[in-house]
Amino acid sequence: MTPENDPGHGHSPAAWIAVAVSIAGLSAATVFFFLAIWTPFWISMAVFVGGLLLGPLLAAMGYGVRGPKWQPKDTH
């Protein structure tokens, strides 16, 4: 696979931030669900959904795999 046709596999700030926020929201929601604390549960679920929306938003802002605001590090 050449660098030109490599899809990037999510190695971008947009992907990392989206995944981190989503995992944090879903983890908190899981704890609140089992403790039956409903208001923080729903807030955490909103954070989870917000994390899912952050990926495409940040990619559109240029922080995606081929975005102009981010360049991959040279690994060699």
PDB file of N, CA and C in Angstrom:
ATOM      1  N   MET A   1       0.845  -1.162   0.000  1.00  0.00           N
ATOM      2  CA  MET A   1       0.000   0.000   0.000  1.00  0.00           C
ATOM      3  C   MET A   1       0.897   1.234   0.000  1.00  0.00           C
ATOM      4  N   THR A   2       0.634   2.120  -0.901  1.00  0.00           N
ATOM      5  CA  THR A   2       1.428   3.343  -0.998  1.00  0.00           C
ATOM      6  C   THR A   2       0.822   4.431  -0.117  1.00  0.00           C
ATOM      7  N   PRO A   3       1.613   5.428   0.252  1.00  0.00           N
ATOM      8  CA  PRO A   3       1.074   6.518   1.090  1.00  0.00           C
ATOM      9  C   PRO A   3      -0.079   7.273   0.430  1.00  0.00           C
ATOM     10  N   GLU A   4      -0.113   7.293  -0.886  1.00  0.00           N
ATOM     11  CA  GLU A   4      -1.175   8.016  -1.578  1.00  0.00           C
ATOM     12  C   GLU A   4      -2.545   7.371  -1.402  1.00  0.00           C
ATOM     13  N   ASN A   5      -2.603   6.043  -1.340  1.00  0.00           N
ATOM     14  CA  ASN A   5      -3.900   5.382  -1.219  1.00  0.00           C
ATOM     15  C   ASN A   5      -4.138   4.778   0.170  1.00  0.00           C
ATOM     16  N   ASP A   6      -3.284   5.090   1.127  1.00  0.00           N
ATOM     17  CA  ASP A   6      -3.474   4.638   2.500  1.00  0.00           C
ATOM     18  C   ASP A   6      -4.632   5.424   3.122  1.00  0.00           C
ATOM     19  N   PRO A   7      -5.668   4.746   3.642  1.00  0.00           N
ATOM     20  CA  PRO A   7      -6.810   5.470   4.190  1.00  0.00           C
ATOM     21  C   PRO A   7      -6.512   6.190   5.497  1.00  0.00           C
ATOM     22  N   GLY A   8      -5.395   5.906   6.142  1.00  0.00           N
ATOM     23  CA  GLY A   8      -5.024   6.606   7.363  1.00  0.00           C
ATOM     24  C   GLY A   8      -5.438   5.894   8.633  1.00  0.00           C
ATOM     25  N   HIS A   9      -6.421   5.058   8.584  1.00  0.00           N
ATOM     26  CA  HIS A   9      -6.855   4.246   9.723  1.00  0.00           C
ATOM     27  C   HIS A   9      -7.160   5.073  10.969  1.00  0.00           C
ATOM     28  N   GLY A  10      -7.604   6.293  10.786  1.00  0.00           N
ATOM     29  CA  GLY A  10      -8.031   7.104  11.912  1.00  0.00           C
ATOM     30  C   GLY A  10      -6.926   7.745  12.713  1.00  0.00           C
ATOM     31  N   HIS A  11      -5.720   7.779  12.184  1.00  0.00           N
ATOM     32  CA  HIS A  11      -4.613   8.394  12.911  1.00  0.00           C
ATOM     33  C   HIS A  11      -4.612   9.895  12.661  1.00  0.00           C
ATOM     34  N   SER A  12      -5.556  10.572  13.289  1.00  0.00           N
ATOM     35  CA  SER A  12      -5.662  12.023  13.133  1.00  0.00           C
ATOM     36  C   SER A  12      -6.222  12.607  14.424  1.00  0.00           C
ATOM     37  N   PRO A  13      -6.006  13.889  14.638  1.00  0.00           N
ATOM     38  CA  PRO A  13      -6.592  14.509  15.832  1.00  0.00           C
ATOM     39  C   PRO A  13      -8.117  14.374  15.867  1.00  0.00           C
ATOM     40  N   ALA A  14      -8.770  14.464  14.723  1.00  0.00           N
ATOM     41  CA  ALA A  14     -10.231  14.340  14.688  1.00  0.00           C
ATOM     42  C   ALA A  14     -10.673  12.977  15.207  1.00  0.00           C
ATOM     43  N   ALA A  15     -10.021  11.931  14.765  1.00  0.00           N
ATOM     44  CA  ALA A  15     -10.400  10.584  15.189  1.00  0.00           C
ATOM     45  C   ALA A  15     -10.088  10.351  16.661  1.00  0.00           C
ATOM     46  N   TRP A  16      -8.909  10.759  17.098  1.00  0.00           N
ATOM     47  CA  TRP A  16      -8.520  10.524  18.488  1.00  0.00           C
ATOM     48  C   TRP A  16      -9.414  11.270  19.464  1.00  0.00           C
ATOM     49  N   ILE A  17      -9.721  12.518  19.165  1.00  0.00           N
ATOM     50  CA  ILE A  17     -10.578  13.301  20.061  1.00  0.00           C
ATOM     51  C   ILE A  17     -11.983  12.727  20.091  1.00  0.00           C
ATOM     52  N   ALA A  18     -12.516  12.350  18.926  1.00  0.00           N
ATOM     53  CA  ALA A  18     -13.862  11.780  18.869  1.00  0.00           C
ATOM     54  C   ALA A  18     -13.946  10.493  19.690  1.00  0.00           C
ATOM     55  N   VAL A  19     -12.949   9.641  19.552  1.00  0.00           N
ATOM     56  CA  VAL A  19     -12.952   8.369  20.289  1.00  0.00           C
ATOM     57  C   VAL A  19     -12.781   8.606  21.787  1.00  0.00           C
ATOM     58  N   ALA A  20     -11.889   9.505  22.165  1.00  0.00           N
ATOM     59  CA  ALA A  20     -11.660   9.765  23.593  1.00  0.00           C
ATOM     60  C   ALA A  20     -12.907  10.327  24.268  1.00  0.00           C
ATOM     61  N   VAL A  21     -13.558  11.287  23.634  1.00  0.00           N
ATOM     62  CA  VAL A  21     -14.767  11.872  24.217  1.00  0.00           C
ATOM     63  C   VAL A  21     -15.885  10.837  24.276  1.00  0.00           C
ATOM     64  N   SER A  22     -16.035  10.039  23.220  1.00  0.00           N
ATOM     65  CA  SER A  22     -17.077   9.013  23.196  1.00  0.00           C
ATOM     66  C   SER A  22     -16.864   7.960  24.280  1.00  0.00           C
ATOM     67  N   ILE A  23     -15.632   7.515  24.436  1.00  0.00           N
ATOM     68  CA  ILE A  23     -15.341   6.506  25.469  1.00  0.00           C
ATOM     69  C   ILE A  23     -15.579   7.077  26.860  1.00  0.00           C
ATOM     70  N   ALA A  24     -15.162   8.317  27.090  1.00  0.00           N
ATOM     71  CA  ALA A  24     -15.379   8.936  28.403  1.00  0.00           C
ATOM     72  C   ALA A  24     -16.869   9.064  28.708  1.00  0.00           C
ATOM     73  N   GLY A  25     -17.646   9.518  27.732  1.00  0.00           N
ATOM     74  CA  GLY A  25     -19.084   9.660  27.943  1.00  0.00           C
ATOM     75  C   GLY A  25     -19.767   8.328  28.179  1.00  0.00           C
ATOM     76  N   LEU A  26     -19.414   7.330  27.386  1.00  0.00           N
ATOM     77  CA  LEU A  26     -20.056   6.022  27.533  1.00  0.00           C
ATOM     78  C   LEU A  26     -19.630   5.334  28.833  1.00  0.00           C
ATOM     79  N   SER A  27     -18.384   5.520  29.233  1.00  0.00           N
ATOM     80  CA  SER A  27     -17.926   4.937  30.503  1.00  0.00           C
ATOM     81  C   SER A  27     -18.672   5.551  31.688  1.00  0.00           C
ATOM     82  N   ALA A  28     -18.790   6.867  31.682  1.00  0.00           N
ATOM     83  CA  ALA A  28     -19.527   7.524  32.761  1.00  0.00           C
ATOM     84  C   ALA A  28     -20.996   7.112  32.743  1.00  0.00           C
ATOM     85  N   ALA A  29     -21.577   7.022  31.553  1.00  0.00           N
ATOM     86  CA  ALA A  29     -22.981   6.614  31.446  1.00  0.00           C
ATOM     87  C   ALA A  29     -23.186   5.209  31.998  1.00  0.00           C
ATOM     88  N   THR A  30     -22.241   4.332  31.772  1.00  0.00           N
ATOM     89  CA  THR A  30     -22.345   2.965  32.283  1.00  0.00           C
ATOM     90  C   THR A  30     -22.360   2.957  33.809  1.00  0.00           C
ATOM     91  N   VAL A  31     -21.472   3.720  34.402  1.00  0.00           N
ATOM     92  CA  VAL A  31     -21.428   3.789  35.867  1.00  0.00           C
ATOM     93  C   VAL A  31     -22.736   4.353  36.415  1.00  0.00           C
ATOM     94  N   PHE A  32     -23.205   5.467  35.850  1.00  0.00           N
ATOM     95  CA  PHE A  32     -24.440   6.079  36.327  1.00  0.00           C
ATOM     96  C   PHE A  32     -25.647   5.177  36.103  1.00  0.00           C
ATOM     97  N   PHE A  33     -25.628   4.403  35.010  1.00  0.00           N
ATOM     98  CA  PHE A  33     -26.740   3.478  34.750  1.00  0.00           C
ATOM     99  C   PHE A  33     -26.831   2.428  35.859  1.00  0.00           C
ATOM    100  N   PHE A  34     -25.700   1.838  36.215  1.00  0.00           N
ATOM    101  CA  PHE A  34     -25.720   0.795  37.239  1.00  0.00           C
ATOM    102  C   PHE A  34     -25.981   1.340  38.629  1.00  0.00           C
ATOM    103  N   LEU A  35     -25.691   2.623  38.833  1.00  0.00           N
ATOM    104  CA  LEU A  35     -26.014   3.251  40.116  1.00  0.00           C
ATOM    105  C   LEU A  35     -27.420   3.848  40.115  1.00  0.00           C
ATOM    106  N   ALA A  36     -28.085   3.787  38.980  1.00  0.00           N
ATOM    107  CA  ALA A  36     -29.449   4.311  38.810  1.00  0.00           C
ATOM    108  C   ALA A  36     -29.539   5.796  39.142  1.00  0.00           C
ATOM    109  N   ILE A  37     -28.563   6.551  38.665  1.00  0.00           N
ATOM    110  CA  ILE A  37     -28.561   8.009  38.803  1.00  0.00           C
ATOM    111  C   ILE A  37     -28.844   8.554  37.405  1.00  0.00           C
ATOM    112  N   TRP A  38     -30.082   8.941  37.160  1.00  0.00           N
ATOM    113  CA  TRP A  38     -30.538   9.122  35.784  1.00  0.00           C
ATOM    114  C   TRP A  38     -30.141  10.432  35.124  1.00  0.00           C
ATOM    115  N   THR A  39     -30.125  11.537  35.839  1.00  0.00           N
ATOM    116  CA  THR A  39     -29.764  12.801  35.186  1.00  0.00           C
ATOM    117  C   THR A  39     -28.315  12.779  34.689  1.00  0.00           C
ATOM    118  N   PRO A  40     -27.340  12.399  35.510  1.00  0.00           N
ATOM    119  CA  PRO A  40     -25.969  12.297  34.984  1.00  0.00           C
ATOM    120  C   PRO A  40     -25.836  11.235  33.881  1.00  0.00           C
ATOM    121  N   PHE A  41     -26.647  10.185  33.959  1.00  0.00           N
ATOM    122  CA  PHE A  41     -26.625   9.169  32.900  1.00  0.00           C
ATOM    123  C   PHE A  41     -26.966   9.797  31.562  1.00  0.00           C
ATOM    124  N   TRP A  42     -28.045  10.569  31.511  1.00  0.00           N
ATOM    125  CA  TRP A  42     -28.455  11.170  30.244  1.00  0.00           C
ATOM    126  C   TRP A  42     -27.473  12.244  29.776  1.00  0.00           C
ATOM    127  N   ILE A  43     -26.889  12.958  30.717  1.00  0.00           N
ATOM    128  CA  ILE A  43     -25.857  13.936  30.348  1.00  0.00           C
ATOM    129  C   ILE A  43     -24.650  13.214  29.740  1.00  0.00           C
ATOM    130  N   SER A  44     -24.266  12.098  30.343  1.00  0.00           N
ATOM    131  CA  SER A  44     -23.147  11.313  29.820  1.00  0.00           C
ATOM    132  C   SER A  44     -23.465  10.737  28.441  1.00  0.00           C
ATOM    133  N   MET A  45     -24.711  10.337  28.229  1.00  0.00           N
ATOM    134  CA  MET A  45     -25.100   9.845  26.904  1.00  0.00           C
ATOM    135  C   MET A  45     -25.032  10.975  25.867  1.00  0.00           C
ATOM    136  N   ALA A  46     -25.372  12.197  26.287  1.00  0.00           N
ATOM    137  CA  ALA A  46     -25.255  13.344  25.380  1.00  0.00           C
ATOM    138  C   ALA A  46     -23.787  13.613  25.050  1.00  0.00           C
ATOM    139  N   VAL A  47     -22.899  13.446  26.025  1.00  0.00           N
ATOM    140  CA  VAL A  47     -21.463  13.596  25.768  1.00  0.00           C
ATOM    141  C   VAL A  47     -20.996  12.526  24.786  1.00  0.00           C
ATOM    142  N   PHE A  48     -21.480  11.306  24.950  1.00  0.00           N
ATOM    143  CA  PHE A  48     -21.143  10.223  24.031  1.00  0.00           C
ATOM    144  C   PHE A  48     -21.563  10.561  22.599  1.00  0.00           C
ATOM    145  N   VAL A  49     -22.785  11.000  22.423  1.00  0.00           N
ATOM    146  CA  VAL A  49     -23.270  11.357  21.079  1.00  0.00           C
ATOM    147  C   VAL A  49     -22.490  12.561  20.546  1.00  0.00           C
ATOM    148  N   GLY A  50     -22.182  13.515  21.418  1.00  0.00           N
ATOM    149  CA  GLY A  50     -21.373  14.658  20.996  1.00  0.00           C
ATOM    150  C   GLY A  50     -20.003  14.229  20.507  1.00  0.00           C
ATOM    151  N   GLY A  51     -19.425  13.231  21.157  1.00  0.00           N
ATOM    152  CA  GLY A  51     -18.140  12.692  20.703  1.00  0.00           C
ATOM    153  C   GLY A  51     -18.231  12.087  19.326  1.00  0.00           C
ATOM    154  N   LEU A  52     -19.352  11.407  19.055  1.00  0.00           N
ATOM    155  CA  LEU A  52     -19.542  10.833  17.720  1.00  0.00           C
ATOM    156  C   LEU A  52     -19.638  11.919  16.656  1.00  0.00           C
ATOM    157  N   LEU A  53     -20.195  13.055  17.014  1.00  0.00           N
ATOM    158  CA  LEU A  53     -20.337  14.154  16.061  1.00  0.00           C
ATOM    159  C   LEU A  53     -19.045  14.956  15.906  1.00  0.00           C
ATOM    160  N   LEU A  54     -18.161  14.878  16.892  1.00  0.00           N
ATOM    161  CA  LEU A  54     -16.906  15.623  16.830  1.00  0.00           C
ATOM    162  C   LEU A  54     -15.994  15.157  15.701  1.00  0.00           C
ATOM    163  N   GLY A  55     -15.969  13.872  15.429  1.00  0.00           N
ATOM    164  CA  GLY A  55     -15.090  13.340  14.383  1.00  0.00           C
ATOM    165  C   GLY A  55     -15.321  13.998  13.029  1.00  0.00           C
ATOM    166  N   PRO A  56     -16.542  13.904  12.487  1.00  0.00           N
ATOM    167  CA  PRO A  56     -16.797  14.549  11.200  1.00  0.00           C
ATOM    168  C   PRO A  56     -16.649  16.074  11.255  1.00  0.00           C
ATOM    169  N   LEU A  57     -17.012  16.671  12.387  1.00  0.00           N
ATOM    170  CA  LEU A  57     -16.884  18.125  12.505  1.00  0.00           C
ATOM    171  C   LEU A  57     -15.415  18.555  12.442  1.00  0.00           C
ATOM    172  N   LEU A  58     -14.564  17.898  13.222  1.00  0.00           N
ATOM    173  CA  LEU A  58     -13.141  18.242  13.209  1.00  0.00           C
ATOM    174  C   LEU A  58     -12.485  17.897  11.868  1.00  0.00           C
ATOM    175  N   ALA A  59     -12.923  16.812  11.235  1.00  0.00           N
ATOM    176  CA  ALA A  59     -12.399  16.474   9.909  1.00  0.00           C
ATOM    177  C   ALA A  59     -12.771  17.554   8.901  1.00  0.00           C
ATOM    178  N   ALA A  60     -13.991  18.065   8.997  1.00  0.00           N
ATOM    179  CA  ALA A  60     -14.409  19.138   8.096  1.00  0.00           C
ATOM    180  C   ALA A  60     -13.633  20.426   8.363  1.00  0.00           C
ATOM    181  N   MET A  61     -13.167  20.598   9.597  1.00  0.00           N
ATOM    182  CA  MET A  61     -12.380  21.774   9.939  1.00  0.00           C
ATOM    183  C   MET A  61     -10.913  21.622   9.535  1.00  0.00           C
ATOM    184  N   GLY A  62     -10.536  20.450   9.009  1.00  0.00           N
ATOM    185  CA  GLY A  62      -9.177  20.255   8.519  1.00  0.00           C
ATOM    186  C   GLY A  62      -8.284  19.403   9.386  1.00  0.00           C
ATOM    187  N   TYR A  63      -8.820  18.798  10.441  1.00  0.00           N
ATOM    188  CA  TYR A  63      -8.013  17.984  11.339  1.00  0.00           C
ATOM    189  C   TYR A  63      -8.151  16.488  11.073  1.00  0.00           C
ATOM    190  N   GLY A  64      -8.694  16.120   9.927  1.00  0.00           N
ATOM    191  CA  GLY A  64      -8.839  14.716   9.556  1.00  0.00           C
ATOM    192  C   GLY A  64      -7.553  14.160   8.975  1.00  0.00           C
ATOM    193  N   VAL A  65      -7.624  12.936   8.454  1.00  0.00           N
ATOM    194  CA  VAL A  65      -6.447  12.232   7.941  1.00  0.00           C
ATOM    195  C   VAL A  65      -5.752  13.024   6.840  1.00  0.00           C
ATOM    196  N   ARG A  66      -6.487  13.574   5.921  1.00  0.00           N
ATOM    197  CA  ARG A  66      -5.883  14.325   4.823  1.00  0.00           C
ATOM    198  C   ARG A  66      -6.127  15.830   4.962  1.00  0.00           C
ATOM    199  N   GLY A  67      -6.459  16.274   6.153  1.00  0.00           N
ATOM    200  CA  GLY A  67      -6.768  17.681   6.377  1.00  0.00           C
ATOM    201  C   GLY A  67      -5.535  18.577   6.299  1.00  0.00           C
ATOM    202  N   PRO A  68      -5.728  19.830   5.910  1.00  0.00           N
ATOM    203  CA  PRO A  68      -4.597  20.748   5.771  1.00  0.00           C
ATOM    204  C   PRO A  68      -3.996  21.204   7.104  1.00  0.00           C
ATOM    205  N   LYS A  69      -4.705  21.022   8.204  1.00  0.00           N
ATOM    206  CA  LYS A  69      -4.200  21.479   9.498  1.00  0.00           C
ATOM    207  C   LYS A  69      -3.443  20.407  10.263  1.00  0.00           C
ATOM    208  N   TRP A  70      -3.272  19.249   9.662  1.00  0.00           N
ATOM    209  CA  TRP A  70      -2.576  18.166  10.346  1.00  0.00           C
ATOM    210  C   TRP A  70      -1.723  17.399   9.354  1.00  0.00           C
ATOM    211  N   GLN A  71      -0.502  17.126   9.738  1.00  0.00           N
ATOM    212  CA  GLN A  71       0.420  16.325   8.924  1.00  0.00           C
ATOM    213  C   GLN A  71       0.936  15.176   9.772  1.00  0.00           C
ATOM    214  N   PRO A  72       0.944  13.965   9.213  1.00  0.00           N
ATOM    215  CA  PRO A  72       1.446  12.832   9.996  1.00  0.00           C
ATOM    216  C   PRO A  72       2.943  12.968  10.264  1.00  0.00           C
ATOM    217  N   LYS A  73       3.382  12.397  11.371  1.00  0.00           N
ATOM    218  CA  LYS A  73       4.809  12.407  11.701  1.00  0.00           C
ATOM    219  C   LYS A  73       5.547  11.425  10.800  1.00  0.00           C
ATOM    220  N   ASP A  74       6.772  11.752  10.474  1.00  0.00           N
ATOM    221  CA  ASP A  74       7.599  10.842   9.703  1.00  0.00           C
ATOM    222  C   ASP A  74       8.107   9.749  10.642  1.00  0.00           C
ATOM    223  N   THR A  75       7.784   8.509  10.341  1.00  0.00           N
ATOM    224  CA  THR A  75       8.124   7.408  11.238  1.00  0.00           C
ATOM    225  C   THR A  75       9.465   6.770  10.892  1.00  0.00           C
ATOM    226  N   HIS A  76      10.150   7.272   9.922  1.00  0.00           N
ATOM    227  CA  HIS A  76      11.444   6.653   9.530  1.00  0.00           C
ATOM    228  C   HIS A  76      12.596   7.415  10.046  1.00  0.00           C
TER     229      HIS A  76
END
